[in-house]
Amino acid sequence: MTRYGAQYGPDITFLGIDRCDLGDPASFAGADVVVLGAPFDGGTSHRPGTRFGPQAIRMTDYLAHDGSRPSLALRTDGLRDLRVLDAGDVEMYSGDIETALPALEAAVETVTRSGAIPVVLGGDHSIAFADAKGVANVLGHGRVSMLHFDAHADTGDIEFGSLWGHGQPMRRLIESGALRGDRFLQIGLRGYWPPPETLDWMAAQRMRSYEMTEIGSRGLEACLTEAFGIATDECEGVFLSVDIDVCDPGHAPGTGTPEPGGLTARQLLDAVRRICLELPVVGIDVVEVSPPYDHADITAALANRVVLEALSAIARRRRDARDGTRWDPALPLLAHRPDTTPPDTTPPDTTPEDPS
């Protein structure tokens, strides 16, 4: 197919990066990362609007859309140190989830087969089934683990009479065999859903779910370290799925099912940076940004930065692997930069000393 472009609004790319066309393999040959839009909210159970998420994530930034973003934290430019292209939106009619998800799965599989990392901008969380399965179709079913940031487990069975929706993709992934339950790590769960019978199902799959009370007691860093050890055992790579509602609504109000008491924006960005710096990430999606419910673009800006943190860290990881170095996060910002302080040209004091 020819490049679809944008399903809603103007055809802009993520912060001005170059376009590619999934119907023309030569256009993305050699790419390190391919950005895809999944403008779909047909799986939403409460407030809609995430179909407009990809456009908001691509454009919400106060700097020029010039395809460059040097990271102060990692001293890389994820948009230039990597070859990052934007394939536009996948055509996903929100009235037909059983047609929309296979179209996205095929697009993600095409990107993965090319050797690039797919970064999917959602869209509601039902798209995670297509995203992770598209990657697993290439790398092997059961060979990709999942790090899932979310307020909700998304492991429901039949909701509103349907097997498909944004509260069910993680169950469908495990049931399909694409991902293993015992390599499924969930971070940030809280609130009043799912019910006990769903938790029983999750336990039977040997999922590991870090609820916010445990994170508060043990610390996020300790929970992440433990999760990393599980995620990299017997798996070829890690899929990172970030539901923006993992953050407290004060930090991410523009989402369909806000749940108070979540991570801060700083915690999420630090976690994403660490994951992409330390783990072999093979796919990413950022979902549940609903611009109609956002305030001052707070949520869209956070989602934009989640993508940039991931790309900057992937670039750092590859540079360290190439150069045999190891990134030190404690390094002062200006360390190793040339000292440009002008020389002291004040003439010496020649006033004679007072003999008294």
Protein backbone atom coordinates (compact mmCIF):
# COMPACT_ATOMS: atom_id res chain seq x y z
CA MET A 1 0.00 0.00 0.00
CA THR A 2 1.08 3.59 -0.43
CA ARG A 3 1.85 5.61 2.66
CA TYR A 4 -1.43 6.34 4.42
CA GLY A 5 -0.16 9.46 6.17
CA ALA A 6 -2.35 10.74 8.97
CA GLN A 7 -5.82 9.37 9.59
CA TYR A 8 -6.83 12.56 11.40
CA GLY A 9 -5.47 16.04 10.74
CA PRO A 10 -2.33 17.09 8.88
CA ASP A 11 0.34 14.57 7.90
CA ILE A 12 3.09 15.49 10.34
CA THR A 13 5.93 13.22 11.43
CA PHE A 14 7.29 12.74 14.92
CA LEU A 15 9.16 16.00 15.61
CA GLY A 16 10.06 16.40 11.94
CA ILE A 17 11.84 13.09 11.24
CA ASP A 18 11.82 11.73 7.69
CA ARG A 19 8.89 9.77 6.29
CA CYS A 20 8.85 6.22 5.03
CA ASP A 21 6.28 4.01 3.31
CA LEU A 22 5.70 0.46 4.54
CA GLY A 23 4.64 -0.41 0.99
CA ASP A 24 8.13 0.49 -0.23
CA PRO A 25 10.76 -1.57 1.65
CA ALA A 26 13.57 0.54 0.20
CA SER A 27 12.20 3.59 2.02
CA PHE A 28 12.91 2.09 5.45
CA ALA A 29 15.83 -0.20 4.64
CA GLY A 30 18.52 0.23 7.28
CA ALA A 31 16.23 2.05 9.72
CA ASP A 32 16.90 1.56 13.42
CA VAL A 33 13.41 2.66 14.50
CA VAL A 34 10.14 3.12 12.65
CA VAL A 35 7.34 5.14 14.25
CA LEU A 36 3.77 4.03 13.55
CA GLY A 37 0.52 5.73 14.49
CA ALA A 38 -2.39 3.63 15.74
CA PRO A 39 -5.29 6.14 15.86
CA PHE A 40 -7.81 3.77 17.39
CA ASP A 41 -10.22 4.09 20.31
CA GLY A 42 -12.75 1.43 19.37
CA GLY A 43 -11.73 -0.64 22.38
CA THR A 44 -12.40 2.10 24.92
CA SER A 45 -14.72 1.31 27.83
CA HIS A 46 -15.09 4.83 29.24
CA ARG A 47 -13.92 8.18 27.84
CA PRO A 48 -12.93 8.08 24.14
CA GLY A 49 -10.55 10.33 22.22
CA THR A 50 -7.34 8.31 21.97
CA ARG A 51 -7.76 8.16 18.21
CA PHE A 52 -6.26 11.64 18.31
CA GLY A 53 -3.33 10.50 20.45
CA PRO A 54 -0.78 9.83 17.67
CA GLN A 55 -1.08 13.33 16.26
CA ALA A 56 -0.75 14.90 19.71
CA ILE A 57 2.28 12.80 20.63
CA ARG A 58 3.99 13.61 17.34
CA MET A 59 3.53 17.37 17.57
CA THR A 60 3.48 18.41 21.25
CA ASP A 61 6.84 20.08 21.77
CA TYR A 62 7.88 23.71 22.22
CA LEU A 63 11.03 23.29 20.10
CA ALA A 64 11.36 23.32 16.32
CA HIS A 65 10.31 20.13 14.55
CA ASP A 66 13.76 19.69 13.03
CA GLY A 67 14.36 15.99 13.61
CA SER A 68 16.89 16.54 16.38
CA ARG A 69 16.66 16.30 20.17
CA PRO A 70 20.00 16.17 22.06
CA SER A 71 19.44 14.57 25.46
CA LEU A 72 20.97 16.39 28.41
CA ALA A 73 20.65 13.24 30.51
CA LEU A 74 22.34 10.79 28.13
CA ARG A 75 24.45 13.04 25.83
CA THR A 76 22.88 11.45 22.76
CA ASP A 77 20.52 12.62 20.04
CA GLY A 78 18.07 9.77 19.65
CA LEU A 79 16.61 11.21 16.44
CA ARG A 80 20.02 11.55 14.75
CA ASP A 81 22.27 8.96 16.37
CA LEU A 82 19.65 6.42 15.30
CA ARG A 83 17.96 6.32 11.90
CA VAL A 84 14.37 7.03 12.95
CA LEU A 85 11.60 7.19 10.34
CA ASP A 86 7.84 7.76 10.54
CA ALA A 87 5.56 5.49 8.52
CA GLY A 88 2.44 7.51 9.32
CA ASP A 89 -0.80 6.07 10.69
CA VAL A 90 -2.10 2.59 10.10
CA GLU A 91 -5.65 2.76 8.75
CA MET A 92 -7.75 1.68 11.74
CA TYR A 93 -11.49 2.24 11.64
CA SER A 94 -12.63 2.49 15.25
CA GLY A 95 -15.95 0.82 14.45
CA ASP A 96 -14.33 -2.49 13.50
CA ILE A 97 -11.76 -3.76 15.99
CA GLU A 98 -11.48 -7.17 14.31
CA THR A 99 -10.26 -5.50 11.11
CA ALA A 100 -8.22 -2.75 12.74
CA LEU A 101 -6.01 -4.92 14.95
CA PRO A 102 -4.85 -7.32 12.21
CA ALA A 103 -3.92 -4.33 10.03
CA LEU A 104 -1.73 -2.98 12.83
CA GLU A 105 -0.24 -6.41 13.56
CA ALA A 106 0.79 -6.74 9.91
CA ALA A 107 2.40 -3.29 9.94
CA VAL A 108 4.36 -4.00 13.13
CA GLU A 109 5.48 -7.35 11.75
CA THR A 110 6.72 -5.66 8.57
CA VAL A 111 8.79 -3.21 10.59
CA THR A 112 10.22 -5.92 12.84
CA ARG A 113 11.18 -8.14 9.90
CA SER A 114 13.17 -5.25 8.47
CA GLY A 115 15.34 -5.21 11.60
CA ALA A 116 13.95 -1.96 12.95
CA ILE A 117 12.31 -1.39 16.34
CA PRO A 118 8.61 -0.47 15.99
CA VAL A 119 7.49 2.45 18.17
CA VAL A 120 3.69 2.62 18.10
CA LEU A 121 1.80 5.74 19.14
CA GLY A 122 -1.71 4.91 20.36
CA GLY A 123 -4.57 4.71 20.46
CA ASP A 124 -6.23 2.82 23.31
CA HIS A 125 -4.51 -0.14 24.92
CA SER A 126 -6.31 -2.74 22.84
CA ILE A 127 -3.59 -2.09 20.24
CA ALA A 128 -0.99 -3.77 22.50
CA PHE A 129 -2.24 -7.16 21.31
CA ALA A 130 -1.34 -6.30 17.72
CA ASP A 131 1.91 -4.55 18.68
CA ALA A 132 3.43 -7.28 20.84
CA LYS A 133 2.13 -10.12 18.69
CA GLY A 134 3.53 -8.49 15.55
CA VAL A 135 6.97 -8.49 17.16
CA ALA A 136 6.61 -12.03 18.53
CA ASN A 137 5.60 -13.30 15.08
CA VAL A 138 9.13 -12.45 13.97
CA LEU A 139 11.26 -13.13 17.06
CA GLY A 140 9.32 -16.20 18.13
CA HIS A 141 6.24 -16.84 20.23
CA GLY A 142 7.24 -17.13 23.87
CA ARG A 143 10.59 -15.44 23.21
CA VAL A 144 9.52 -11.85 23.95
CA SER A 145 8.83 -10.64 27.47
CA MET A 146 6.60 -7.71 28.40
CA LEU A 147 7.21 -4.75 30.70
CA HIS A 148 3.76 -3.23 31.09
CA PHE A 149 3.30 0.15 32.82
CA ASP A 150 -0.34 0.71 33.68
CA ALA A 151 -2.83 1.52 36.42
CA HIS A 152 -4.87 -1.46 35.19
CA ALA A 153 -3.96 -5.09 34.54
CA ASP A 154 -5.84 -5.26 31.20
CA THR A 155 -6.40 -8.98 31.75
CA GLY A 156 -10.19 -9.03 31.54
CA ASP A 157 -11.91 -11.83 29.68
CA ILE A 158 -15.26 -10.87 28.17
CA GLU A 159 -16.15 -7.20 28.61
CA PHE A 160 -19.38 -5.73 27.22
CA GLY A 161 -19.94 -9.03 25.42
CA SER A 162 -16.64 -8.87 23.51
CA LEU A 163 -13.27 -10.61 23.71
CA TRP A 164 -11.57 -7.44 22.42
CA GLY A 165 -11.11 -4.11 24.15
CA HIS A 166 -8.60 -2.04 26.04
CA GLY A 167 -9.16 -4.01 29.24
CA GLN A 168 -8.28 -7.38 27.67
CA PRO A 169 -5.16 -7.29 25.44
CA MET A 170 -2.79 -8.84 27.98
CA ARG A 171 -5.03 -11.87 28.49
CA ARG A 172 -5.41 -12.30 24.73
CA LEU A 173 -1.62 -12.11 24.26
CA ILE A 174 -0.98 -14.84 26.81
CA GLU A 175 -3.84 -17.01 25.55
CA SER A 176 -2.52 -16.72 21.99
CA GLY A 177 0.87 -18.05 23.05
CA ALA A 178 2.63 -15.01 21.64
CA LEU A 179 3.83 -13.99 25.13
CA ARG A 180 4.44 -16.08 28.24
CA GLY A 181 2.57 -15.32 31.41
CA ASP A 182 5.67 -15.96 33.51
CA ARG A 183 7.59 -13.33 31.54
CA PHE A 184 4.89 -10.70 31.89
CA LEU A 185 5.79 -7.88 34.30
CA GLN A 186 3.24 -5.21 35.23
CA ILE A 187 4.23 -2.01 37.02
CA GLY A 188 1.99 0.60 38.63
CA LEU A 189 -1.28 -1.27 39.17
CA ARG A 190 -3.71 0.24 41.65
CA GLY A 191 -7.33 1.03 42.36
CA TYR A 192 -10.40 -1.21 42.28
CA TRP A 193 -10.13 -3.37 39.17
CA PRO A 194 -9.78 -6.23 38.21
CA PRO A 195 -11.97 -8.43 40.41
CA PRO A 196 -10.68 -11.45 42.40
CA GLU A 197 -11.46 -14.04 39.71
CA THR A 198 -9.29 -12.15 37.22
CA LEU A 199 -6.46 -11.94 39.75
CA ASP A 200 -6.78 -15.70 40.18
CA TRP A 201 -6.33 -16.16 36.43
CA MET A 202 -3.27 -13.89 36.47
CA ALA A 203 -1.73 -15.88 39.32
CA ALA A 204 -2.32 -19.11 37.44
CA GLN A 205 -0.35 -17.68 34.50
CA ARG A 206 2.51 -16.80 36.91
CA MET A 207 2.34 -13.13 35.97
CA ARG A 208 4.27 -10.67 38.18
CA SER A 209 2.29 -7.53 38.99
CA TYR A 210 3.81 -4.70 41.06
CA GLU A 211 0.93 -2.81 42.67
CA MET A 212 1.63 0.73 43.88
CA THR A 213 1.58 -0.26 47.54
CA GLU A 214 4.45 -2.69 46.94
CA ILE A 215 6.29 -0.09 44.86
CA GLY A 216 5.85 2.45 47.65
CA SER A 217 7.13 0.00 50.25
CA ARG A 218 10.09 -1.46 48.35
CA GLY A 219 10.91 1.43 46.05
CA LEU A 220 10.51 1.61 42.29
CA GLU A 221 14.19 0.94 41.60
CA ALA A 222 14.18 -2.31 43.56
CA CYS A 223 11.03 -3.49 41.80
CA LEU A 224 12.49 -2.66 38.40
CA THR A 225 15.73 -4.51 39.15
CA GLU A 226 13.78 -7.62 40.10
CA ALA A 227 11.57 -7.31 37.01
CA PHE A 228 14.60 -6.97 34.73
CA GLY A 229 15.97 -10.30 35.91
CA ILE A 230 12.71 -12.05 35.09
CA ALA A 231 12.21 -10.28 31.75
CA THR A 232 15.60 -11.28 30.34
CA ASP A 233 15.39 -14.95 31.33
CA GLU A 234 14.83 -17.23 28.31
CA CYS A 235 13.62 -14.34 26.12
CA GLU A 236 15.17 -12.72 23.04
CA GLY A 237 13.94 -9.24 23.80
CA VAL A 238 11.61 -7.03 25.80
CA PHE A 239 8.48 -5.24 24.63
CA LEU A 240 7.76 -2.03 26.54
CA SER A 241 4.11 -1.01 26.76
CA VAL A 242 3.38 2.31 28.47
CA ASP A 243 -0.19 3.24 29.32
CA ILE A 244 0.02 6.91 30.24
CA ASP A 245 -2.48 6.36 33.06
CA VAL A 246 0.29 4.66 35.02
CA CYS A 247 1.01 8.22 36.13
CA ASP A 248 -1.15 10.05 38.63
CA PRO A 249 -3.90 12.07 36.91
CA GLY A 250 -2.20 15.20 38.21
CA HIS A 251 0.67 14.35 35.86
CA ALA A 252 -1.44 12.82 33.04
CA PRO A 253 -5.04 14.06 33.10
CA GLY A 254 -5.74 13.44 29.40
CA THR A 255 -6.62 9.77 29.52
CA GLY A 256 -9.78 7.68 29.41
CA THR A 257 -9.67 5.89 32.78
CA PRO A 258 -7.72 8.08 35.26
CA GLU A 259 -6.80 6.44 38.57
CA PRO A 260 -5.40 8.59 41.42
CA GLY A 261 -2.24 7.58 43.24
CA GLY A 262 0.10 6.70 40.39
CA LEU A 263 3.70 7.29 39.44
CA THR A 264 5.02 10.78 38.92
CA ALA A 265 6.10 11.93 35.47
CA ARG A 266 9.70 11.90 36.72
CA GLN A 267 9.45 8.30 37.90
CA LEU A 268 8.04 7.17 34.58
CA LEU A 269 10.68 8.93 32.49
CA ASP A 270 13.50 7.61 34.68
CA ALA A 271 12.08 4.08 34.46
CA VAL A 272 11.75 4.20 30.66
CA ARG A 273 15.29 5.54 30.34
CA ARG A 274 16.66 2.78 32.53
CA ILE A 275 14.75 0.05 30.69
CA CYS A 276 15.96 1.12 27.26
CA LEU A 277 19.50 1.62 28.52
CA GLU A 278 19.82 -1.75 30.27
CA LEU A 279 17.53 -4.13 28.35
CA PRO A 280 17.24 -5.39 24.74
CA VAL A 281 14.05 -3.54 23.85
CA VAL A 282 12.51 -4.85 20.61
CA GLY A 283 9.25 -2.90 20.53
CA ILE A 284 7.49 -0.01 22.27
CA ASP A 285 4.01 1.38 22.42
CA VAL A 286 2.71 4.48 24.23
CA VAL A 287 -1.05 4.45 24.62
CA GLU A 288 -4.19 5.98 26.14
CA VAL A 289 -3.38 9.65 25.47
CA SER A 290 -6.80 11.29 24.97
CA PRO A 291 -6.30 14.91 23.87
CA PRO A 292 -9.95 15.95 24.40
CA TYR A 293 -9.47 15.40 28.14
CA ASP A 294 -5.98 16.88 28.35
CA HIS A 295 -5.12 20.20 30.00
CA ALA A 296 -2.44 22.48 28.54
CA ASP A 297 -1.04 19.46 26.63
CA ILE A 298 0.33 18.00 29.89
CA THR A 299 -0.37 14.40 28.95
CA ALA A 300 0.69 14.69 25.31
CA ALA A 301 3.95 16.34 26.34
CA LEU A 302 4.68 13.52 28.79
CA ALA A 303 3.98 10.87 26.14
CA ASN A 304 6.24 12.72 23.69
CA ARG A 305 9.01 12.64 26.28
CA VAL A 306 8.46 8.94 26.97
CA VAL A 307 9.28 8.30 23.30
CA LEU A 308 12.31 10.59 23.39
CA GLU A 309 13.66 9.04 26.61
CA ALA A 310 13.36 5.60 25.01
CA LEU A 311 15.14 6.63 21.80
CA SER A 312 17.88 8.52 23.64
CA ALA A 313 18.57 5.50 25.86
CA ILE A 314 18.58 3.05 22.94
CA ALA A 315 21.12 5.30 21.22
CA ARG A 316 23.24 5.38 24.39
CA ARG A 317 23.06 1.60 24.79
CA ARG A 318 24.24 1.09 21.21
CA ARG A 319 27.04 3.64 21.56
CA ASP A 320 28.29 1.98 24.73
CA ALA A 321 28.17 -1.44 23.05
CA ARG A 322 30.11 -0.10 20.07
CA ASP A 323 32.73 1.79 22.09
CA GLY A 324 33.08 -0.62 25.00
CA THR A 325 31.99 2.08 27.45
CA ARG A 326 29.49 2.15 30.30
CA TRP A 327 27.26 5.15 30.89
CA ASP A 328 27.62 6.80 34.30
CA PRO A 329 24.39 8.61 35.27
CA ALA A 330 26.25 10.51 38.01
CA LEU A 331 28.47 12.26 35.45
CA PRO A 332 28.13 16.06 35.74
CA LEU A 333 26.47 17.67 32.73
CA LEU A 334 29.52 19.66 31.62
CA ALA A 335 32.14 17.02 32.34
CA HIS A 336 34.58 16.40 29.46
CA ARG A 337 33.46 19.53 27.63
CA PRO A 338 36.17 22.06 26.75
CA ASP A 339 36.71 24.79 29.33
CA THR A 340 35.70 28.00 27.58
CA THR A 341 36.19 30.30 30.57
CA PRO A 342 38.07 33.36 29.25
CA PRO A 343 41.56 33.87 30.72
CA ASP A 344 41.96 36.37 33.54
CA THR A 345 43.30 39.55 31.92
CA THR A 346 43.25 41.72 35.03
CA PRO A 347 46.69 43.40 35.36
CA PRO A 348 48.66 42.52 38.48
CA ASP A 349 48.49 44.85 41.45
CA THR A 350 51.76 46.89 41.46
CA THR A 351 50.86 49.22 44.32
CA PRO A 352 53.87 49.36 46.74
CA GLU A 353 53.28 47.99 50.20
CA ASP A 354 52.87 50.42 53.08
CA PRO A 355 56.25 50.28 54.96
CA SER A 356 54.49 50.93 58.24
